[in-house]
Amino acid sequence: MWKKQTLVAANKVRKLLFGMGENDGFVFKAVVYLLLIAIGFVYLYPMLFMLVNSFMSLDDLVNSMIKWIPSTLYVENYSRALNVLHYRDTLMQTIMVAGLPALLQTISAGIIGYGFARFEFPCKKILFVLMLITFVIPPQITMMPTYLLFKQYGLLGSLETFIYPAILGQGLKSALFILIFYQFFRSMPDVLEEAAEIDGAGSFKIFYRVAVPMAVPAIIIVFLFSFVWYWNETYLAGLYFGNELTILPLELQKFTDSYNKVYPPGSPGSQLNEAIKLAGTILTIAPLLILYFVLQRWFVEGVDRAGITGE
């Protein structure tokens, strides 16, 4: 009797620690949670470091006793960063430079991806392979020919240098976005199109009434990544726009020079420190973080609306 009770207790302990069947035990869950916390800390540490130090005064920065908790929330760093970045005007230009091409690229990639996925036409496989090859070609190879083409047509210094490639499916990483839509539309059940055709719908109506509502998750993913890539594209923006347009990452690159112009050396408070630079960095990435959190909610809802049971 005593041995049986001991065996039952041992089984309960083993089940609690290591699980049984589909139930995970305490040890497995603890290891998973520790790994997730460690990975999350690696990604969050730079953000936490920037955020905390951006609120530090110069006295806090030079005080070796202060590491993570500032003595006071010194918001003057953000006030100066706003002035140096000309934040309001630059933010509006950045949203326009990133948002409009990203929207147009999402539309064109969706149409092209749907065409490759749902239609048969001559040389389809060859064209699809050529489209994918454009993704692996380094942009440095096509940069100068594209620049000379834009110069010939008088497009330099305007947003059209980003808009026209986006419309034609040749924007930043367009091949990847076309592939995302291609894979998504290929998984769409044929019975939905057949039912729409029976109801008298044509190809265009099937696309925007059936395919597009189902592709909401793919649309959000493509738009989000496209927006971020256009937002962070400083090299092409500096090359094509010149002094006509600017974006926040470009202004952040020349933050030191701009700071010396706004606060000339010798003037009160002209000393630039790391806290002010970090404040400028936070202001530059804050819109992207806000956009991500907003679209993350819509992404989850989009998955729920677009869920397909097995056909």
Protein backbone atom coordinates (compact mmCIF):
# COMPACT_ATOMS: atom_id res chain seq x y z
CA MET A 1 0.00 0.00 0.00
CA TRP A 2 2.80 2.39 0.90
CA LYS A 3 4.65 1.61 -2.35
CA LYS A 4 1.50 2.25 -4.38
CA GLN A 5 0.97 5.64 -2.75
CA THR A 6 4.62 6.52 -3.36
CA LEU A 7 4.30 5.54 -7.04
CA VAL A 8 1.14 7.64 -7.44
CA ALA A 9 2.82 10.64 -5.82
CA ALA A 10 5.89 10.21 -8.04
CA ASN A 11 3.69 10.10 -11.12
CA LYS A 12 1.94 13.28 -10.04
CA VAL A 13 5.25 15.05 -9.49
CA ARG A 14 6.58 13.86 -12.84
CA LYS A 15 3.39 14.97 -14.58
CA LEU A 16 3.61 18.37 -12.91
CA LEU A 17 7.26 18.90 -13.81
CA PHE A 18 7.51 17.31 -17.25
CA GLY A 19 3.90 17.07 -18.38
CA MET A 20 2.05 14.18 -19.94
CA GLY A 21 0.56 13.78 -23.37
CA GLU A 22 -0.31 17.18 -24.86
CA ASN A 23 0.08 19.00 -21.54
CA ASP A 24 3.40 20.75 -21.03
CA GLY A 25 5.05 20.43 -17.68
CA PHE A 26 6.43 23.15 -15.43
CA VAL A 27 10.04 22.59 -16.55
CA PHE A 28 9.18 22.98 -20.25
CA LYS A 29 7.12 26.11 -19.63
CA ALA A 30 9.84 27.61 -17.44
CA VAL A 31 12.49 27.04 -20.12
CA VAL A 32 10.26 28.54 -22.83
CA TYR A 33 9.41 31.59 -20.72
CA LEU A 34 13.05 32.15 -19.81
CA LEU A 35 14.05 32.00 -23.48
CA LEU A 36 11.27 34.42 -24.46
CA ILE A 37 12.25 36.83 -21.70
CA ALA A 38 15.92 36.65 -22.71
CA ILE A 39 15.16 37.22 -26.40
CA GLY A 40 12.72 40.01 -25.57
CA PHE A 41 15.31 41.72 -23.38
CA VAL A 42 17.88 41.61 -26.20
CA TYR A 43 15.44 43.42 -28.50
CA LEU A 44 14.05 45.81 -25.89
CA TYR A 45 17.33 46.80 -24.27
CA PRO A 46 18.36 49.35 -26.97
CA MET A 47 14.91 50.93 -26.87
CA LEU A 48 14.89 51.14 -23.08
CA PHE A 49 18.42 52.55 -23.08
CA MET A 50 17.50 55.26 -25.61
CA LEU A 51 14.27 56.15 -23.85
CA VAL A 52 15.79 56.43 -20.37
CA ASN A 53 18.88 58.34 -21.44
CA SER A 54 16.89 60.74 -23.61
CA PHE A 55 15.29 62.13 -20.43
CA MET A 56 18.60 62.67 -18.64
CA SER A 57 20.16 66.06 -18.06
CA LEU A 58 23.86 66.70 -18.62
CA ASP A 59 24.47 66.30 -14.88
CA ASP A 60 22.82 62.86 -14.96
CA LEU A 61 24.88 61.78 -17.94
CA VAL A 62 28.20 62.57 -16.25
CA ASN A 63 27.07 61.13 -12.90
CA SER A 64 28.37 57.55 -12.71
CA MET A 65 25.85 56.78 -9.93
CA ILE A 66 22.88 57.28 -12.28
CA LYS A 67 22.30 54.44 -14.71
CA TRP A 68 18.64 53.74 -15.40
CA ILE A 69 16.57 56.19 -13.36
CA PRO A 70 17.12 59.91 -14.10
CA SER A 71 17.06 62.29 -11.17
CA THR A 72 14.44 64.34 -13.06
CA LEU A 73 12.61 63.97 -16.38
CA TYR A 74 14.56 66.48 -18.44
CA VAL A 75 12.24 67.24 -21.38
CA GLU A 76 14.44 70.03 -22.72
CA ASN A 77 16.26 67.38 -24.78
CA TYR A 78 13.10 66.73 -26.76
CA SER A 79 12.40 70.43 -27.15
CA ARG A 80 15.80 70.96 -28.74
CA ALA A 81 15.52 67.84 -30.89
CA LEU A 82 12.16 69.06 -32.20
CA ASN A 83 13.72 72.37 -33.20
CA VAL A 84 16.77 70.79 -34.83
CA LEU A 85 14.74 68.27 -36.83
CA HIS A 86 12.11 70.88 -37.80
CA TYR A 87 9.92 68.06 -36.69
CA ARG A 88 6.46 69.08 -37.83
CA ASP A 89 7.35 69.90 -41.43
CA THR A 90 9.84 67.04 -41.73
CA LEU A 91 7.34 64.54 -40.30
CA MET A 92 4.69 65.58 -42.84
CA GLN A 93 7.18 65.19 -45.69
CA THR A 94 8.33 61.81 -44.36
CA ILE A 95 4.76 60.51 -44.10
CA MET A 96 4.12 61.65 -47.67
CA VAL A 97 7.39 60.19 -48.98
CA ALA A 98 6.81 56.84 -47.25
CA GLY A 99 3.03 56.57 -47.24
CA LEU A 100 2.07 57.38 -50.83
CA PRO A 101 4.61 55.08 -52.54
CA ALA A 102 3.86 52.34 -49.99
CA LEU A 103 0.13 52.58 -50.74
CA LEU A 104 0.67 52.55 -54.51
CA GLN A 105 3.16 49.69 -54.23
CA THR A 106 0.71 47.64 -52.19
CA ILE A 107 -1.96 48.10 -54.86
CA SER A 108 0.33 47.27 -57.77
CA ALA A 109 1.91 44.28 -56.00
CA GLY A 110 -1.55 42.94 -55.17
CA ILE A 111 -2.71 43.19 -58.78
CA ILE A 112 0.48 41.62 -60.16
CA GLY A 113 0.49 38.87 -57.54
CA TYR A 114 -3.16 38.07 -58.29
CA GLY A 115 -2.43 37.92 -62.00
CA PHE A 116 0.44 35.46 -61.52
CA ALA A 117 -1.57 33.33 -59.08
CA ARG A 118 -4.95 33.05 -60.83
CA PHE A 119 -4.33 33.44 -64.58
CA GLU A 120 -2.49 31.47 -67.22
CA PHE A 121 -0.70 33.33 -70.02
CA PRO A 122 2.29 32.77 -72.32
CA CYS A 123 5.76 32.88 -70.74
CA LYS A 124 4.24 33.10 -67.26
CA LYS A 125 6.99 31.08 -65.57
CA ILE A 126 9.75 32.99 -67.34
CA LEU A 127 8.27 36.35 -66.35
CA PHE A 128 7.80 35.16 -62.78
CA VAL A 129 11.44 34.08 -62.54
CA LEU A 130 12.62 37.38 -64.04
CA MET A 131 10.51 39.21 -61.50
CA LEU A 132 12.12 37.27 -58.64
CA ILE A 133 15.60 37.93 -60.03
CA THR A 134 15.04 41.67 -59.58
CA PHE A 135 14.91 41.04 -55.82
CA VAL A 136 18.42 39.58 -55.66
CA ILE A 137 20.03 42.22 -57.89
CA PRO A 138 21.90 44.70 -55.64
CA PRO A 139 20.32 48.16 -55.85
CA GLN A 140 23.79 49.69 -56.35
CA ILE A 141 23.84 48.15 -59.84
CA THR A 142 20.62 49.82 -61.01
CA MET A 143 21.05 53.03 -59.03
CA MET A 144 23.04 55.04 -61.56
CA PRO A 145 21.04 53.99 -64.67
CA THR A 146 17.85 54.84 -62.79
CA TYR A 147 19.29 58.19 -61.67
CA LEU A 148 20.26 59.08 -65.25
CA LEU A 149 16.79 58.06 -66.46
CA PHE A 150 15.08 60.26 -63.88
CA LYS A 151 17.42 63.12 -64.77
CA GLN A 152 16.64 62.76 -68.46
CA TYR A 153 12.91 63.02 -67.79
CA GLY A 154 13.29 65.85 -65.27
CA LEU A 155 11.95 63.91 -62.31
CA LEU A 156 14.79 64.55 -59.85
CA GLY A 157 13.86 66.55 -56.79
CA SER A 158 10.27 65.30 -56.71
CA LEU A 159 8.33 62.46 -55.15
CA GLU A 160 7.65 61.09 -58.63
CA THR A 161 10.99 59.26 -58.45
CA PHE A 162 9.39 56.99 -55.85
CA ILE A 163 5.84 57.04 -57.18
CA TYR A 164 6.37 55.85 -60.75
CA PRO A 165 8.41 52.73 -59.83
CA ALA A 166 5.84 51.90 -57.13
CA ILE A 167 2.97 52.11 -59.63
CA LEU A 168 4.81 49.91 -62.13
CA GLY A 169 5.71 47.24 -59.55
CA GLN A 170 9.36 48.28 -59.37
CA GLY A 171 9.41 49.99 -55.98
CA LEU A 172 11.56 49.04 -53.01
CA LYS A 173 11.46 45.25 -52.54
CA SER A 174 8.46 44.98 -54.89
CA ALA A 175 9.41 41.46 -55.95
CA LEU A 176 9.11 40.27 -52.36
CA PHE A 177 5.68 41.85 -51.97
CA ILE A 178 4.46 40.36 -55.25
CA LEU A 179 5.62 36.96 -54.01
CA ILE A 180 3.69 37.45 -50.75
CA PHE A 181 0.47 38.20 -52.65
CA TYR A 182 1.18 35.39 -55.11
CA GLN A 183 1.44 32.83 -52.32
CA PHE A 184 -1.64 34.21 -50.58
CA PHE A 185 -3.87 34.21 -53.67
CA ARG A 186 -2.67 30.74 -54.68
CA SER A 187 -4.05 29.40 -51.40
CA MET A 188 -7.45 30.95 -52.06
CA PRO A 189 -10.09 28.23 -52.69
CA ASP A 190 -11.18 27.93 -56.31
CA VAL A 191 -14.80 27.42 -55.26
CA LEU A 192 -15.05 31.09 -54.24
CA GLU A 193 -14.16 32.28 -57.73
CA GLU A 194 -16.40 29.66 -59.31
CA ALA A 195 -19.33 30.79 -57.17
CA ALA A 196 -18.71 34.41 -58.16
CA GLU A 197 -18.53 33.45 -61.84
CA ILE A 198 -21.85 31.63 -61.54
CA ASP A 199 -23.33 34.84 -60.13
CA GLY A 200 -22.10 36.66 -63.24
CA ALA A 201 -19.04 38.41 -61.80
CA GLY A 202 -16.14 39.18 -64.11
CA SER A 203 -12.44 38.94 -63.34
CA PHE A 204 -12.16 42.52 -62.06
CA LYS A 205 -15.22 42.20 -59.83
CA ILE A 206 -13.96 38.89 -58.45
CA PHE A 207 -10.65 40.57 -57.61
CA TYR A 208 -12.01 43.50 -55.62
CA ARG A 209 -15.12 41.80 -54.19
CA VAL A 210 -13.68 38.38 -53.32
CA ALA A 211 -9.88 38.37 -53.40
CA VAL A 212 -9.13 41.76 -51.83
CA PRO A 213 -11.33 41.31 -48.71
CA MET A 214 -9.68 37.94 -48.09
CA ALA A 215 -6.20 39.40 -48.56
CA VAL A 216 -6.48 41.93 -45.72
CA PRO A 217 -3.67 40.28 -43.68
CA ALA A 218 -1.35 40.25 -46.70
CA ILE A 219 -2.26 43.85 -47.54
CA ILE A 220 -1.42 45.02 -44.02
CA ILE A 221 1.87 43.10 -43.99
CA VAL A 222 2.94 44.48 -47.37
CA PHE A 223 1.92 48.05 -46.55
CA LEU A 224 3.65 47.98 -43.17
CA PHE A 225 6.95 46.64 -44.52
CA SER A 226 6.82 48.88 -47.58
CA PHE A 227 6.15 51.93 -45.41
CA VAL A 228 9.06 51.09 -43.12
CA TRP A 229 11.46 50.52 -46.04
CA TYR A 230 10.52 53.80 -47.71
CA TRP A 231 10.74 55.56 -44.34
CA ASN A 232 14.30 54.31 -43.76
CA GLU A 233 15.55 54.66 -47.34
CA THR A 234 18.02 57.50 -46.86
CA TYR A 235 20.44 56.78 -49.69
CA LEU A 236 17.99 56.90 -52.59
CA ALA A 237 16.03 59.72 -50.96
CA GLY A 238 19.17 61.84 -50.65
CA LEU A 239 20.19 60.98 -54.21
CA TYR A 240 16.84 61.61 -55.91
CA PHE A 241 15.32 64.40 -53.80
CA GLY A 242 18.34 66.64 -53.30
CA ASN A 243 17.33 69.68 -51.24
CA GLU A 244 13.71 69.68 -52.44
CA LEU A 245 12.41 67.03 -50.05
CA THR A 246 13.70 65.50 -46.85
CA ILE A 247 12.79 62.76 -44.40
CA LEU A 248 13.39 62.28 -40.70
CA PRO A 249 16.20 59.68 -41.07
CA LEU A 250 18.04 62.07 -43.38
CA GLU A 251 17.70 64.90 -40.88
CA LEU A 252 18.90 62.56 -38.13
CA GLN A 253 22.05 61.76 -40.12
CA LYS A 254 23.01 65.44 -40.20
CA PHE A 255 21.76 66.11 -36.67
CA THR A 256 25.08 67.44 -35.39
CA ASP A 257 25.51 69.98 -38.20
CA SER A 258 21.88 71.09 -37.91
CA TYR A 259 22.24 71.46 -34.15
CA ASN A 260 25.27 73.73 -34.56
CA LYS A 261 23.25 75.91 -36.95
CA VAL A 262 20.24 76.18 -34.63
CA TYR A 263 22.37 76.55 -31.48
CA PRO A 264 25.67 78.17 -32.61
CA PRO A 265 28.77 77.43 -30.50
CA GLY A 266 29.10 79.93 -27.68
CA SER A 267 25.37 80.56 -27.33
CA PRO A 268 23.54 79.53 -24.12
CA GLY A 269 22.88 75.80 -24.07
CA SER A 270 24.82 75.16 -27.26
CA GLN A 271 26.54 72.05 -25.96
CA LEU A 272 25.33 68.91 -27.76
CA ASN A 273 25.21 65.69 -25.73
CA GLU A 274 24.12 62.12 -26.21
CA ALA A 275 20.75 62.65 -24.52
CA ILE A 276 19.70 65.17 -27.19
CA LYS A 277 20.81 62.82 -29.96
CA LEU A 278 18.87 59.96 -28.39
CA ALA A 279 15.81 62.20 -28.11
CA GLY A 280 16.09 62.87 -31.84
CA THR A 281 16.35 59.13 -32.50
CA ILE A 282 13.25 58.43 -30.41
CA LEU A 283 11.32 61.12 -32.30
CA THR A 284 12.40 59.56 -35.60
CA ILE A 285 11.25 56.02 -34.83
CA ALA A 286 8.18 56.90 -32.71
CA PRO A 287 5.78 57.18 -35.71
CA LEU A 288 6.86 53.73 -36.90
CA LEU A 289 6.20 52.22 -33.46
CA ILE A 290 2.76 53.83 -33.35
CA LEU A 291 1.97 52.57 -36.85
CA TYR A 292 3.08 49.07 -35.92
CA PHE A 293 0.89 48.87 -32.83
CA VAL A 294 -2.15 50.20 -34.71
CA LEU A 295 -1.74 47.80 -37.65
CA GLN A 296 -1.00 44.90 -35.34
CA ARG A 297 -4.52 45.15 -33.96
CA TRP A 298 -6.01 45.33 -37.45
CA PHE A 299 -3.84 42.43 -38.54
CA VAL A 300 -5.29 40.14 -35.87
CA GLU A 301 -8.83 41.20 -36.77
CA GLY A 302 -8.03 40.73 -40.45
CA VAL A 303 -6.87 37.17 -39.84
CA ASP A 304 -10.14 36.45 -38.02
CA ARG A 305 -12.19 37.86 -40.89
CA ALA A 306 -10.17 36.10 -43.58
CA GLY A 307 -10.00 32.73 -41.87
CA ILE A 308 -10.74 29.87 -44.27
CA THR A 309 -11.87 26.42 -43.20
CA GLY A 310 -10.48 23.48 -45.11
CA GLU A 311 -11.86 23.02 -48.59
